[in-house]
Each structure stands twice: as C-alpha cells, then as structure tokens.
Amino acid sequence: MNAFFAKRGYVVLGCVLISACSPSPQVSAAGAGFTKSERVSGPNPYYPFEALKNGESAKVMLKVDVDRSGHPHNCRVDHSSNVHFNASALQFCQKSEFKAATMNGAAVEDVGRDFPVNYSSD
C-alpha cells in the first residue's frame, strides 16, 4: 500500500500538508503587512588571508532562516563567485543577530531570506 502511494506522489503531498499545518507562521515572500528581517549586529566577516594576499574578491549569496527571536538558522550558500570565501560568509551569517521579520506587527519566521556578503580587497 505504501509503495502504491509513493509511486503516485501522495507521500510528497502528505509532507506538504504537514508543513503547511505547522503551528509557527513561516513567511518566504513579501506580502501585505510583511517586513523582512534585517541584520542588526554581529562581527564583521573575516577576509581569508590567502585570498587577500592574492587580491581576490567575491560575492557570496547565502540563504538563511531567521526565527521570531532574530536568530539565524540553516545558513547555506545559494551561489558564490569564489568558493574560498564560503566558510567566512557562513560563519558571518551564523554569528549575526537580526531584527525579526514581522507580519502585521507580529514577529514571524523569515524562511529562505537572501543574505548577500561581498568581499573586495580595494
């Protein structure tokens, strides 16, 4: 019976329904009354020594989930122009604090928020 449902995509549909019924509100796109989370504090990103020595630069686009308290979770690289900077960008994201996103004045989780980190030796 389970193989029957799995072959027809019912298992995937079940997962979508379960996550849609999650008790905490999750927001991934701007809408009416929505304010994105924003970084408010944390250390500056470090510039990898070898990259600095070689005059390398990079643009790293991260995705991050920001909870209702403003803490980052699930920082991940979406795309990067130079992989030598990825570890620094991820550490920068994980140590940052955010002002939580809001929906109609109430704090909500901001899922999959774009978090760009740019490095330039100029």
PDB file of N, CA and C in Angstrom:
ATOM      1  N   MET A   1       0.820  -1.197   0.000  1.00  0.00           N
ATOM      2  CA  MET A   1       0.000   0.000   0.000  1.00  0.00           C
ATOM      3  C   MET A   1       0.865   1.264   0.000  1.00  0.00           C
ATOM      4  N   ASN A   2       1.945   1.311   0.824  1.00  0.00           N
ATOM      5  CA  ASN A   2       2.818   2.478   0.844  1.00  0.00           C
ATOM      6  C   ASN A   2       3.507   2.682  -0.488  1.00  0.00           C
ATOM      7  N   ALA A   3       3.928   1.589  -1.141  1.00  0.00           N
ATOM      8  CA  ALA A   3       4.562   1.710  -2.453  1.00  0.00           C
ATOM      9  C   ALA A   3       3.576   2.284  -3.464  1.00  0.00           C
ATOM     10  N   PHE A   4       2.318   1.908  -3.362  1.00  0.00           N
ATOM     11  CA  PHE A   4       1.285   2.433  -4.249  1.00  0.00           C
ATOM     12  C   PHE A   4       1.195   3.953  -4.127  1.00  0.00           C
ATOM     13  N   PHE A   5       1.161   4.461  -2.897  1.00  0.00           N
ATOM     14  CA  PHE A   5       1.057   5.902  -2.692  1.00  0.00           C
ATOM     15  C   PHE A   5       2.337   6.619  -3.105  1.00  0.00           C
ATOM     16  N   ALA A   6       3.494   6.029  -2.811  1.00  0.00           N
ATOM     17  CA  ALA A   6       4.762   6.665  -3.149  1.00  0.00           C
ATOM     18  C   ALA A   6       4.917   6.804  -4.658  1.00  0.00           C
ATOM     19  N   LYS A   7       4.501   5.802  -5.418  1.00  0.00           N
ATOM     20  CA  LYS A   7       4.628   5.847  -6.870  1.00  0.00           C
ATOM     21  C   LYS A   7       3.756   6.940  -7.470  1.00  0.00           C
ATOM     22  N   ARG A   8       2.708   7.302  -6.832  1.00  0.00           N
ATOM     23  CA  ARG A   8       1.789   8.294  -7.376  1.00  0.00           C
ATOM     24  C   ARG A   8       1.978   9.689  -6.775  1.00  0.00           C
ATOM     25  N   GLY A   9       3.006   9.888  -5.956  1.00  0.00           N
ATOM     26  CA  GLY A   9       3.304  11.205  -5.414  1.00  0.00           C
ATOM     27  C   GLY A   9       2.493  11.586  -4.189  1.00  0.00           C
ATOM     28  N   TYR A  10       1.735  10.659  -3.634  1.00  0.00           N
ATOM     29  CA  TYR A  10       0.930  11.005  -2.468  1.00  0.00           C
ATOM     30  C   TYR A  10       1.787  11.274  -1.241  1.00  0.00           C
ATOM     31  N   VAL A  11       2.935  10.649  -1.129  1.00  0.00           N
ATOM     32  CA  VAL A  11       3.806  10.871   0.012  1.00  0.00           C
ATOM     33  C   VAL A  11       4.287  12.319   0.019  1.00  0.00           C
ATOM     34  N   VAL A  12       4.672  12.839  -1.127  1.00  0.00           N
ATOM     35  CA  VAL A  12       5.114  14.225  -1.219  1.00  0.00           C
ATOM     36  C   VAL A  12       3.982  15.164  -0.833  1.00  0.00           C
ATOM     37  N   LEU A  13       2.801  14.916  -1.321  1.00  0.00           N
ATOM     38  CA  LEU A  13       1.653  15.739  -0.981  1.00  0.00           C
ATOM     39  C   LEU A  13       1.415  15.728   0.520  1.00  0.00           C
ATOM     40  N   GLY A  14       1.560  14.561   1.150  1.00  0.00           N
ATOM     41  CA  GLY A  14       1.395  14.455   2.598  1.00  0.00           C
ATOM     42  C   GLY A  14       2.387  15.324   3.337  1.00  0.00           C
ATOM     43  N   CYS A  15       3.630  15.364   2.881  1.00  0.00           N
ATOM     44  CA  CYS A  15       4.653  16.198   3.512  1.00  0.00           C
ATOM     45  C   CYS A  15       4.312  17.673   3.384  1.00  0.00           C
ATOM     46  N   VAL A  16       3.829  18.067   2.248  1.00  0.00           N
ATOM     47  CA  VAL A  16       3.459  19.466   2.042  1.00  0.00           C
ATOM     48  C   VAL A  16       2.329  19.847   2.985  1.00  0.00           C
ATOM     49  N   LEU A  17       1.357  18.995   3.133  1.00  0.00           N
ATOM     50  CA  LEU A  17       0.240  19.295   4.018  1.00  0.00           C
ATOM     51  C   LEU A  17       0.683  19.401   5.465  1.00  0.00           C
ATOM     52  N   ILE A  18       1.604  18.537   5.893  1.00  0.00           N
ATOM     53  CA  ILE A  18       2.083  18.578   7.270  1.00  0.00           C
ATOM     54  C   ILE A  18       2.820  19.886   7.526  1.00  0.00           C
ATOM     55  N   SER A  19       3.717  20.292   6.617  1.00  0.00           N
ATOM     56  CA  SER A  19       4.459  21.526   6.853  1.00  0.00           C
ATOM     57  C   SER A  19       3.543  22.750   6.762  1.00  0.00           C
ATOM     58  N   ALA A  20       2.510  22.680   5.955  1.00  0.00           N
ATOM     59  CA  ALA A  20       1.577  23.803   5.850  1.00  0.00           C
ATOM     60  C   ALA A  20       0.772  23.976   7.123  1.00  0.00           C
ATOM     61  N   CYS A  21       0.654  22.930   7.919  1.00  0.00           N
ATOM     62  CA  CYS A  21      -0.111  22.989   9.164  1.00  0.00           C
ATOM     63  C   CYS A  21       0.780  23.315  10.356  1.00  0.00           C
ATOM     64  N   SER A  22       2.028  23.686  10.113  1.00  0.00           N
ATOM     65  CA  SER A  22       2.965  24.000  11.179  1.00  0.00           C
ATOM     66  C   SER A  22       2.401  25.098  12.073  1.00  0.00           C
ATOM     67  N   PRO A  23       2.559  24.976  13.406  1.00  0.00           N
ATOM     68  CA  PRO A  23       1.989  25.972  14.304  1.00  0.00           C
ATOM     69  C   PRO A  23       2.666  27.330  14.252  1.00  0.00           C
ATOM     70  N   SER A  24       3.954  27.407  13.835  1.00  0.00           N
ATOM     71  CA  SER A  24       4.607  28.709  13.773  1.00  0.00           C
ATOM     72  C   SER A  24       4.504  29.265  12.365  1.00  0.00           C
ATOM     73  N   PRO A  25       4.119  30.528  12.230  1.00  0.00           N
ATOM     74  CA  PRO A  25       3.980  31.100  10.892  1.00  0.00           C
ATOM     75  C   PRO A  25       5.324  31.195  10.209  1.00  0.00           C
ATOM     76  N   GLN A  26       5.374  30.853   8.942  1.00  0.00           N
ATOM     77  CA  GLN A  26       6.582  30.958   8.155  1.00  0.00           C
ATOM     78  C   GLN A  26       6.278  31.811   6.941  1.00  0.00           C
ATOM     79  N   VAL A  27       7.206  32.713   6.625  1.00  0.00           N
ATOM     80  CA  VAL A  27       6.996  33.629   5.514  1.00  0.00           C
ATOM     81  C   VAL A  27       8.224  33.569   4.632  1.00  0.00           C
ATOM     82  N   SER A  28       8.037  33.388   3.334  1.00  0.00           N
ATOM     83  CA  SER A  28       9.191  33.343   2.442  1.00  0.00           C
ATOM     84  C   SER A  28       9.149  34.421   1.375  1.00  0.00           C
ATOM     85  N   ALA A  29       8.073  35.137   1.262  1.00  0.00           N
ATOM     86  CA  ALA A  29       7.981  36.198   0.258  1.00  0.00           C
ATOM     87  C   ALA A  29       7.254  37.392   0.842  1.00  0.00           C
ATOM     88  N   ALA A  30       7.610  38.565   0.364  1.00  0.00           N
ATOM     89  CA  ALA A  30       6.974  39.781   0.867  1.00  0.00           C
ATOM     90  C   ALA A  30       5.499  39.807   0.466  1.00  0.00           C
ATOM     91  N   GLY A  31       4.681  40.323   1.349  1.00  0.00           N
ATOM     92  CA  GLY A  31       3.262  40.460   1.074  1.00  0.00           C
ATOM     93  C   GLY A  31       2.718  41.627   1.869  1.00  0.00           C
ATOM     94  N   ALA A  32       1.433  41.775   1.880  1.00  0.00           N
ATOM     95  CA  ALA A  32       0.798  42.872   2.597  1.00  0.00           C
ATOM     96  C   ALA A  32       1.114  42.774   4.083  1.00  0.00           C
ATOM     97  N   GLY A  33       1.620  43.842   4.668  1.00  0.00           N
ATOM     98  CA  GLY A  33       1.916  43.888   6.093  1.00  0.00           C
ATOM     99  C   GLY A  33       3.185  43.166   6.489  1.00  0.00           C
ATOM    100  N   PHE A  34       3.998  42.744   5.530  1.00  0.00           N
ATOM    101  CA  PHE A  34       5.215  41.989   5.818  1.00  0.00           C
ATOM    102  C   PHE A  34       6.425  42.903   5.795  1.00  0.00           C
ATOM    103  N   THR A  35       7.293  42.778   6.811  1.00  0.00           N
ATOM    104  CA  THR A  35       8.564  43.481   6.868  1.00  0.00           C
ATOM    105  C   THR A  35       9.663  42.441   7.010  1.00  0.00           C
ATOM    106  N   LYS A  36      10.656  42.459   6.109  1.00  0.00           N
ATOM    107  CA  LYS A  36      11.746  41.492   6.137  1.00  0.00           C
ATOM    108  C   LYS A  36      12.590  41.644   7.392  1.00  0.00           C
ATOM    109  N   SER A  37      13.219  40.533   7.773  1.00  0.00           N
ATOM    110  CA  SER A  37      14.199  40.592   8.853  1.00  0.00           C
ATOM    111  C   SER A  37      15.412  41.376   8.360  1.00  0.00           C
ATOM    112  N   GLU A  38      16.162  41.970   9.310  1.00  0.00           N
ATOM    113  CA  GLU A  38      17.360  42.696   8.912  1.00  0.00           C
ATOM    114  C   GLU A  38      18.454  42.484   9.941  1.00  0.00           C
ATOM    115  N   ARG A  39      19.676  42.420   9.459  1.00  0.00           N
ATOM    116  CA  ARG A  39      20.828  42.217  10.340  1.00  0.00           C
ATOM    117  C   ARG A  39      21.031  43.472  11.180  1.00  0.00           C
ATOM    118  N   VAL A  40      21.206  43.286  12.493  1.00  0.00           N
ATOM    119  CA  VAL A  40      21.388  44.436  13.374  1.00  0.00           C
ATOM    120  C   VAL A  40      22.719  44.416  14.117  1.00  0.00           C
ATOM    121  N   SER A  41      23.346  43.246  14.263  1.00  0.00           N
ATOM    122  CA  SER A  41      24.625  43.200  14.966  1.00  0.00           C
ATOM    123  C   SER A  41      25.371  41.913  14.651  1.00  0.00           C
ATOM    124  N   GLY A  42      26.606  41.897  15.093  1.00  0.00           N
ATOM    125  CA  GLY A  42      27.471  40.737  14.904  1.00  0.00           C
ATOM    126  C   GLY A  42      28.819  41.189  14.394  1.00  0.00           C
ATOM    127  N   PRO A  43      29.774  40.280  14.389  1.00  0.00           N
ATOM    128  CA  PRO A  43      31.115  40.640  13.922  1.00  0.00           C
ATOM    129  C   PRO A  43      31.151  40.845  12.410  1.00  0.00           C
ATOM    130  N   ASN A  44      32.175  41.539  11.950  1.00  0.00           N
ATOM    131  CA  ASN A  44      32.391  41.678  10.515  1.00  0.00           C
ATOM    132  C   ASN A  44      32.923  40.355   9.962  1.00  0.00           C
ATOM    133  N   PRO A  45      32.691  40.079   8.693  1.00  0.00           N
ATOM    134  CA  PRO A  45      33.247  38.849   8.118  1.00  0.00           C
ATOM    135  C   PRO A  45      34.772  38.961   8.013  1.00  0.00           C
ATOM    136  N   TYR A  46      35.449  37.837   8.215  1.00  0.00           N
ATOM    137  CA  TYR A  46      36.898  37.864   8.038  1.00  0.00           C
ATOM    138  C   TYR A  46      37.224  37.648   6.567  1.00  0.00           C
ATOM    139  N   TYR A  47      38.335  38.234   6.145  1.00  0.00           N
ATOM    140  CA  TYR A  47      38.798  38.099   4.761  1.00  0.00           C
ATOM    141  C   TYR A  47      39.852  37.003   4.764  1.00  0.00           C
ATOM    142  N   PRO A  48      39.624  35.897   4.064  1.00  0.00           N
ATOM    143  CA  PRO A  48      40.616  34.816   4.064  1.00  0.00           C
ATOM    144  C   PRO A  48      41.996  35.339   3.637  1.00  0.00           C
ATOM    145  N   PHE A  49      43.008  35.007   4.420  1.00  0.00           N
ATOM    146  CA  PHE A  49      44.346  35.559   4.220  1.00  0.00           C
ATOM    147  C   PHE A  49      44.880  35.314   2.812  1.00  0.00           C
ATOM    148  N   GLU A  50      44.803  34.076   2.345  1.00  0.00           N
ATOM    149  CA  GLU A  50      45.323  33.758   1.003  1.00  0.00           C
ATOM    150  C   GLU A  50      44.599  34.554  -0.083  1.00  0.00           C
ATOM    151  N   ALA A  51      43.301  34.713   0.079  1.00  0.00           N
ATOM    152  CA  ALA A  51      42.522  35.479  -0.897  1.00  0.00           C
ATOM    153  C   ALA A  51      42.930  36.950  -0.877  1.00  0.00           C
ATOM    154  N   LEU A  52      43.148  37.483   0.302  1.00  0.00           N
ATOM    155  CA  LEU A  52      43.586  38.875   0.424  1.00  0.00           C
ATOM    156  C   LEU A  52      44.968  39.056  -0.197  1.00  0.00           C
ATOM    157  N   LYS A  53      45.862  38.119   0.092  1.00  0.00           N
ATOM    158  CA  LYS A  53      47.221  38.157  -0.446  1.00  0.00           C
ATOM    159  C   LYS A  53      47.220  38.105  -1.976  1.00  0.00           C
ATOM    160  N   ASN A  54      46.280  37.357  -2.536  1.00  0.00           N
ATOM    161  CA  ASN A  54      46.191  37.210  -3.990  1.00  0.00           C
ATOM    162  C   ASN A  54      45.290  38.259  -4.644  1.00  0.00           C
ATOM    163  N   GLY A  55      44.737  39.179  -3.850  1.00  0.00           N
ATOM    164  CA  GLY A  55      43.881  40.229  -4.389  1.00  0.00           C
ATOM    165  C   GLY A  55      42.541  39.726  -4.909  1.00  0.00           C
ATOM    166  N   GLU A  56      42.069  38.591  -4.360  1.00  0.00           N
ATOM    167  CA  GLU A  56      40.802  38.013  -4.804  1.00  0.00           C
ATOM    168  C   GLU A  56      39.624  38.734  -4.162  1.00  0.00           C
ATOM    169  N   SER A  57      38.501  38.716  -4.850  1.00  0.00           N
ATOM    170  CA  SER A  57      37.257  39.267  -4.315  1.00  0.00           C
ATOM    171  C   SER A  57      36.155  38.241  -4.551  1.00  0.00           C
ATOM    172  N   ALA A  58      34.997  38.487  -3.964  1.00  0.00           N
ATOM    173  CA  ALA A  58      33.898  37.525  -4.130  1.00  0.00           C
ATOM    174  C   ALA A  58      32.564  38.155  -3.771  1.00  0.00           C
ATOM    175  N   LYS A  59      31.539  37.568  -4.331  1.00  0.00           N
ATOM    176  CA  LYS A  59      30.164  37.851  -3.941  1.00  0.00           C
ATOM    177  C   LYS A  59      29.549  36.501  -3.588  1.00  0.00           C
ATOM    178  N   VAL A  60      29.143  36.369  -2.331  1.00  0.00           N
ATOM    179  CA  VAL A  60      28.556  35.124  -1.847  1.00  0.00           C
ATOM    180  C   VAL A  60      27.110  35.408  -1.474  1.00  0.00           C
ATOM    181  N   MET A  61      26.197  34.692  -2.093  1.00  0.00           N
ATOM    182  CA  MET A  61      24.777  34.844  -1.743  1.00  0.00           C
ATOM    183  C   MET A  61      24.384  33.660  -0.871  1.00  0.00           C
ATOM    184  N   LEU A  62      23.985  33.981   0.343  1.00  0.00           N
ATOM    185  CA  LEU A  62      23.530  32.968   1.278  1.00  0.00           C
ATOM    186  C   LEU A  62      22.017  32.988   1.355  1.00  0.00           C
ATOM    187  N   LYS A  63      21.474  31.903   1.835  1.00  0.00           N
ATOM    188  CA  LYS A  63      20.071  31.819   2.239  1.00  0.00           C
ATOM    189  C   LYS A  63      20.099  31.522   3.729  1.00  0.00           C
ATOM    190  N   VAL A  64      19.214  32.155   4.470  1.00  0.00           N
ATOM    191  CA  VAL A  64      19.168  31.958   5.912  1.00  0.00           C
ATOM    192  C   VAL A  64      17.718  31.985   6.376  1.00  0.00           C
ATOM    193  N   ASP A  65      17.430  31.202   7.385  1.00  0.00           N
ATOM    194  CA  ASP A  65      16.129  31.239   8.054  1.00  0.00           C
ATOM    195  C   ASP A  65      16.328  32.011   9.348  1.00  0.00           C
ATOM    196  N   VAL A  66      15.540  33.046   9.563  1.00  0.00           N
ATOM    197  CA  VAL A  66      15.641  33.860  10.775  1.00  0.00           C
ATOM    198  C   VAL A  66      14.402  33.585  11.614  1.00  0.00           C
ATOM    199  N   ASP A  67      14.617  33.139  12.866  1.00  0.00           N
ATOM    200  CA  ASP A  67      13.470  32.808  13.717  1.00  0.00           C
ATOM    201  C   ASP A  67      12.824  34.066  14.290  1.00  0.00           C
ATOM    202  N   ARG A  68      11.754  33.877  15.043  1.00  0.00           N
ATOM    203  CA  ARG A  68      10.999  35.009  15.580  1.00  0.00           C
ATOM    204  C   ARG A  68      11.766  35.811  16.621  1.00  0.00           C
ATOM    205  N   SER A  69      12.865  35.246  17.140  1.00  0.00           N
ATOM    206  CA  SER A  69      13.710  35.969  18.091  1.00  0.00           C
ATOM    207  C   SER A  69      14.865  36.695  17.417  1.00  0.00           C
ATOM    208  N   GLY A  70      15.004  36.522  16.095  1.00  0.00           N
ATOM    209  CA  GLY A  70      16.069  37.183  15.359  1.00  0.00           C
ATOM    210  C   GLY A  70      17.345  36.366  15.247  1.00  0.00           C
ATOM    211  N   HIS A  71      17.285  35.081  15.589  1.00  0.00           N
ATOM    212  CA  HIS A  71      18.463  34.219  15.492  1.00  0.00           C
ATOM    213  C   HIS A  71      18.490  33.512  14.135  1.00  0.00           C
ATOM    214  N   PRO A  72      19.681  33.469  13.506  1.00  0.00           N
ATOM    215  CA  PRO A  72      19.793  32.797  12.210  1.00  0.00           C
ATOM    216  C   PRO A  72      19.889  31.282  12.369  1.00  0.00           C
ATOM    217  N   HIS A  73      19.290  30.572  11.435  1.00  0.00           N
ATOM    218  CA  HIS A  73      19.353  29.114  11.388  1.00  0.00           C
ATOM    219  C   HIS A  73      19.509  28.699   9.930  1.00  0.00           C
ATOM    220  N   ASN A  74      20.122  27.560   9.732  1.00  0.00           N
ATOM    221  CA  ASN A  74      20.194  26.966   8.404  1.00  0.00           C
ATOM    222  C   ASN A  74      20.831  27.907   7.381  1.00  0.00           C
ATOM    223  N   CYS A  75      21.947  28.546   7.755  1.00  0.00           N
ATOM    224  CA  CYS A  75      22.697  29.376   6.804  1.00  0.00           C
ATOM    225  C   CYS A  75      23.288  28.448   5.753  1.00  0.00           C
ATOM    226  N   ARG A  76      23.130  28.815   4.489  1.00  0.00           N
ATOM    227  CA  ARG A  76      23.632  27.971   3.410  1.00  0.00           C
ATOM    228  C   ARG A  76      23.996  28.837   2.210  1.00  0.00           C
ATOM    229  N   VAL A  77      24.964  28.358   1.421  1.00  0.00           N
ATOM    230  CA  VAL A  77      25.407  29.080   0.233  1.00  0.00           C
ATOM    231  C   VAL A  77      24.419  28.798  -0.890  1.00  0.00           C
ATOM    232  N   ASP A  78      23.859  29.858  -1.446  1.00  0.00           N
ATOM    233  CA  ASP A  78      22.987  29.735  -2.609  1.00  0.00           C
ATOM    234  C   ASP A  78      23.841  29.746  -3.878  1.00  0.00           C
ATOM    235  N   HIS A  79      24.734  30.727  -3.988  1.00  0.00           N
ATOM    236  CA  HIS A  79      25.716  30.751  -5.059  1.00  0.00           C
ATOM    237  C   HIS A  79      26.876  31.653  -4.641  1.00  0.00           C
ATOM    238  N   SER A  80      28.024  31.409  -5.281  1.00  0.00           N
ATOM    239  CA  SER A  80      29.235  32.115  -4.895  1.00  0.00           C
ATOM    240  C   SER A  80      30.128  32.316  -6.113  1.00  0.00           C
ATOM    241  N   SER A  81      30.768  33.474  -6.181  1.00  0.00           N
ATOM    242  CA  SER A  81      31.701  33.727  -7.272  1.00  0.00           C
ATOM    243  C   SER A  81      33.102  33.197  -6.955  1.00  0.00           C
ATOM    244  N   ASN A  82      33.354  32.819  -5.696  1.00  0.00           N
ATOM    245  CA  ASN A  82      34.676  32.315  -5.302  1.00  0.00           C
ATOM    246  C   ASN A  82      34.513  31.457  -4.043  1.00  0.00           C
ATOM    247  N   VAL A  83      34.686  30.157  -4.191  1.00  0.00           N
ATOM    248  CA  VAL A  83      34.437  29.222  -3.078  1.00  0.00           C
ATOM    249  C   VAL A  83      35.368  29.447  -1.889  1.00  0.00           C
ATOM    250  N   HIS A  84      36.488  30.130  -2.080  1.00  0.00           N
ATOM    251  CA  HIS A  84      37.409  30.372  -0.969  1.00  0.00           C
ATOM    252  C   HIS A  84      36.806  31.271   0.111  1.00  0.00           C
ATOM    253  N   PHE A  85      35.719  31.940  -0.200  1.00  0.00           N
ATOM    254  CA  PHE A  85      35.075  32.855   0.751  1.00  0.00           C
ATOM    255  C   PHE A  85      33.850  32.239   1.432  1.00  0.00           C
ATOM    256  N   ASN A  86      33.434  31.075   1.019  1.00  0.00           N
ATOM    257  CA  ASN A  86      32.183  30.492   1.522  1.00  0.00           C
ATOM    258  C   ASN A  86      32.195  30.257   3.025  1.00  0.00           C
ATOM    259  N   ALA A  87      33.273  29.699   3.566  1.00  0.00           N
ATOM    260  CA  ALA A  87      33.338  29.416   5.004  1.00  0.00           C
ATOM    261  C   ALA A  87      33.243  30.704   5.819  1.00  0.00           C
ATOM    262  N   SER A  88      33.940  31.759   5.369  1.00  0.00           N
ATOM    263  CA  SER A  88      33.890  33.047   6.057  1.00  0.00           C
ATOM    264  C   SER A  88      32.474  33.615   6.039  1.00  0.00           C
ATOM    265  N   ALA A  89      31.820  33.552   4.883  1.00  0.00           N
ATOM    266  CA  ALA A  89      30.458  34.082   4.766  1.00  0.00           C
ATOM    267  C   ALA A  89      29.486  33.306   5.654  1.00  0.00           C
ATOM    268  N   LEU A  90      29.626  31.984   5.695  1.00  0.00           N
ATOM    269  CA  LEU A  90      28.739  31.170   6.544  1.00  0.00           C
ATOM    270  C   LEU A  90      28.942  31.487   8.019  1.00  0.00           C
ATOM    271  N   GLN A  91      30.200  31.649   8.445  1.00  0.00           N
ATOM    272  CA  GLN A  91      30.471  31.994   9.840  1.00  0.00           C
ATOM    273  C   GLN A  91      29.896  33.377  10.171  1.00  0.00           C
ATOM    274  N   PHE A  92      30.040  34.316   9.255  1.00  0.00           N
ATOM    275  CA  PHE A  92      29.490  35.661   9.423  1.00  0.00           C
ATOM    276  C   PHE A  92      27.969  35.595   9.624  1.00  0.00           C
ATOM    277  N   CYS A  93      27.306  34.801   8.816  1.00  0.00           N
ATOM    278  CA  CYS A  93      25.853  34.640   8.916  1.00  0.00           C
ATOM    279  C   CYS A  93      25.452  34.043  10.268  1.00  0.00           C
ATOM    280  N   GLN A  94      26.138  32.979  10.663  1.00  0.00           N
ATOM    281  CA  GLN A  94      25.789  32.270  11.894  1.00  0.00           C
ATOM    282  C   GLN A  94      25.991  33.118  13.138  1.00  0.00           C
ATOM    283  N   LYS A  95      26.924  34.072  13.092  1.00  0.00           N
ATOM    284  CA  LYS A  95      27.211  34.912  14.261  1.00  0.00           C
ATOM    285  C   LYS A  95      26.447  36.233  14.249  1.00  0.00           C
ATOM    286  N   SER A  96      25.646  36.451  13.237  1.00  0.00           N
ATOM    287  CA  SER A  96      24.872  37.694  13.138  1.00  0.00           C
ATOM    288  C   SER A  96      23.584  37.592  13.955  1.00  0.00           C
ATOM    289  N   GLU A  97      23.092  38.728  14.363  1.00  0.00           N
ATOM    290  CA  GLU A  97      21.788  38.828  15.017  1.00  0.00           C
ATOM    291  C   GLU A  97      20.909  39.688  14.124  1.00  0.00           C
ATOM    292  N   PHE A  98      19.637  39.354  14.097  1.00  0.00           N
ATOM    293  CA  PHE A  98      18.700  40.027  13.215  1.00  0.00           C
ATOM    294  C   PHE A  98      17.526  40.606  13.987  1.00  0.00           C
ATOM    295  N   LYS A  99      16.931  41.630  13.418  1.00  0.00           N
ATOM    296  CA  LYS A  99      15.617  42.088  13.863  1.00  0.00           C
ATOM    297  C   LYS A  99      14.647  41.167  13.131  1.00  0.00           C
ATOM    298  N   ALA A 100      13.769  40.538  13.865  1.00  0.00           N
ATOM    299  CA  ALA A 100      12.860  39.552  13.272  1.00  0.00           C
ATOM    300  C   ALA A 100      11.940  40.174  12.235  1.00  0.00           C
ATOM    301  N   ALA A 101      11.559  39.376  11.267  1.00  0.00           N
ATOM    302  CA  ALA A 101      10.555  39.804  10.293  1.00  0.00           C
ATOM    303  C   ALA A 101       9.223  39.950  11.014  1.00  0.00           C
ATOM    304  N   THR A 102       8.353  40.774  10.465  1.00  0.00           N
ATOM    305  CA  THR A 102       7.024  40.928  11.061  1.00  0.00           C
ATOM    306  C   THR A 102       5.947  40.805   9.997  1.00  0.00           C
ATOM    307  N   MET A 103       4.816  40.334  10.437  1.00  0.00           N
ATOM    308  CA  MET A 103       3.621  40.269   9.598  1.00  0.00           C
ATOM    309  C   MET A 103       2.518  40.933  10.396  1.00  0.00           C
ATOM    310  N   ASN A 104       2.050  42.070   9.902  1.00  0.00           N
ATOM    311  CA  ASN A 104       1.018  42.848  10.596  1.00  0.00           C
ATOM    312  C   ASN A 104       1.416  43.135  12.042  1.00  0.00           C
ATOM    313  N   GLY A 105       2.711  43.443  12.254  1.00  0.00           N
ATOM    314  CA  GLY A 105       3.206  43.824  13.572  1.00  0.00           C
ATOM    315  C   GLY A 105       3.647  42.680  14.457  1.00  0.00           C
ATOM    316  N   ALA A 106       3.375  41.432  14.089  1.00  0.00           N
ATOM    317  CA  ALA A 106       3.767  40.275  14.905  1.00  0.00           C
ATOM    318  C   ALA A 106       5.022  39.634  14.313  1.00  0.00           C
ATOM    319  N   ALA A 107       5.965  39.270  15.184  1.00  0.00           N
ATOM    320  CA  ALA A 107       7.194  38.621  14.730  1.00  0.00           C
ATOM    321  C   ALA A 107       6.867  37.273  14.095  1.00  0.00           C
ATOM    322  N   VAL A 108       7.509  37.000  12.953  1.00  0.00           N
ATOM    323  CA  VAL A 108       7.326  35.729  12.247  1.00  0.00           C
ATOM    324  C   VAL A 108       8.694  35.217  11.795  1.00  0.00           C
ATOM    325  N   GLU A 109       8.761  33.938  11.495  1.00  0.00           N
ATOM    326  CA  GLU A 109       9.965  33.343  10.955  1.00  0.00           C
ATOM    327  C   GLU A 109      10.119  33.772   9.496  1.00  0.00           C
ATOM    328  N   ASP A 110      11.330  34.157   9.121  1.00  0.00           N
ATOM    329  CA  ASP A 110      11.638  34.568   7.746  1.00  0.00           C
ATOM    330  C   ASP A 110      12.455  33.433   7.128  1.00  0.00           C
ATOM    331  N   VAL A 111      11.845  32.656   6.260  1.00  0.00           N
ATOM    332  CA  VAL A 111      12.454  31.448   5.704  1.00  0.00           C
ATOM    333  C   VAL A 111      13.067  31.743   4.335  1.00  0.00           C
ATOM    334  N   GLY A 112      14.313  31.329   4.153  1.00  0.00           N
ATOM    335  CA  GLY A 112      14.968  31.478   2.857  1.00  0.00           C
ATOM    336  C   GLY A 112      15.317  32.910   2.495  1.00  0.00           C
ATOM    337  N   ARG A 113      15.620  33.713   3.513  1.00  0.00           N
ATOM    338  CA  ARG A 113      15.956  35.118   3.288  1.00  0.00           C
ATOM    339  C   ARG A 113      17.293  35.214   2.560  1.00  0.00           C
ATOM    340  N   ASP A 114      17.370  36.048   1.526  1.00  0.00           N
ATOM    341  CA  ASP A 114      18.638  36.307   0.845  1.00  0.00           C
ATOM    342  C   ASP A 114      19.552  37.095   1.771  1.00  0.00           C
ATOM    343  N   PHE A 115      20.808  36.691   1.827  1.00  0.00           N
ATOM    344  CA  PHE A 115      21.792  37.352   2.690  1.00  0.00           C
ATOM    345  C   PHE A 115      23.102  37.477   1.908  1.00  0.00           C
ATOM    346  N   PRO A 116      23.280  38.596   1.166  1.00  0.00           N
ATOM    347  CA  PRO A 116      24.491  38.749   0.357  1.00  0.00           C
ATOM    348  C   PRO A 116      25.680  39.184   1.215  1.00  0.00           C
ATOM    349  N   VAL A 117      26.854  38.623   0.896  1.00  0.00           N
ATOM    350  CA  VAL A 117      28.103  39.013   1.550  1.00  0.00           C
ATOM    351  C   VAL A 117      29.098  39.296   0.429  1.00  0.00           C
ATOM    352  N   ASN A 118      29.597  40.535   0.402  1.00  0.00           N
ATOM    353  CA  ASN A 118      30.518  40.957  -0.656  1.00  0.00           C
ATOM    354  C   ASN A 118      31.892  41.195  -0.077  1.00  0.00           C
ATOM    355  N   TYR A 119      32.904  40.723  -0.792  1.00  0.00           N
ATOM    356  CA  TYR A 119      34.297  40.874  -0.388  1.00  0.00           C
ATOM    357  C   TYR A 119      35.040  41.606  -1.502  1.00  0.00           C
ATOM    358  N   SER A 120      35.785  42.633  -1.134  1.00  0.00           N
ATOM    359  CA  SER A 120      36.601  43.361  -2.093  1.00  0.00           C
ATOM    360  C   SER A 120      37.880  43.807  -1.390  1.00  0.00           C
ATOM    361  N   SER A 121      39.007  43.604  -2.024  1.00  0.00           N
ATOM    362  CA  SER A 121      40.289  43.973  -1.405  1.00  0.00           C
ATOM    363  C   SER A 121      40.673  45.415  -1.721  1.00  0.00           C
ATOM    364  N   ASP A 122      39.808  46.127  -2.408  1.00  0.00           N
ATOM    365  CA  ASP A 122      40.094  47.532  -2.750  1.00  0.00           C
ATOM    366  C   ASP A 122      39.949  48.437  -1.550  1.00  0.00           C
TER     367      ASP A 122
END
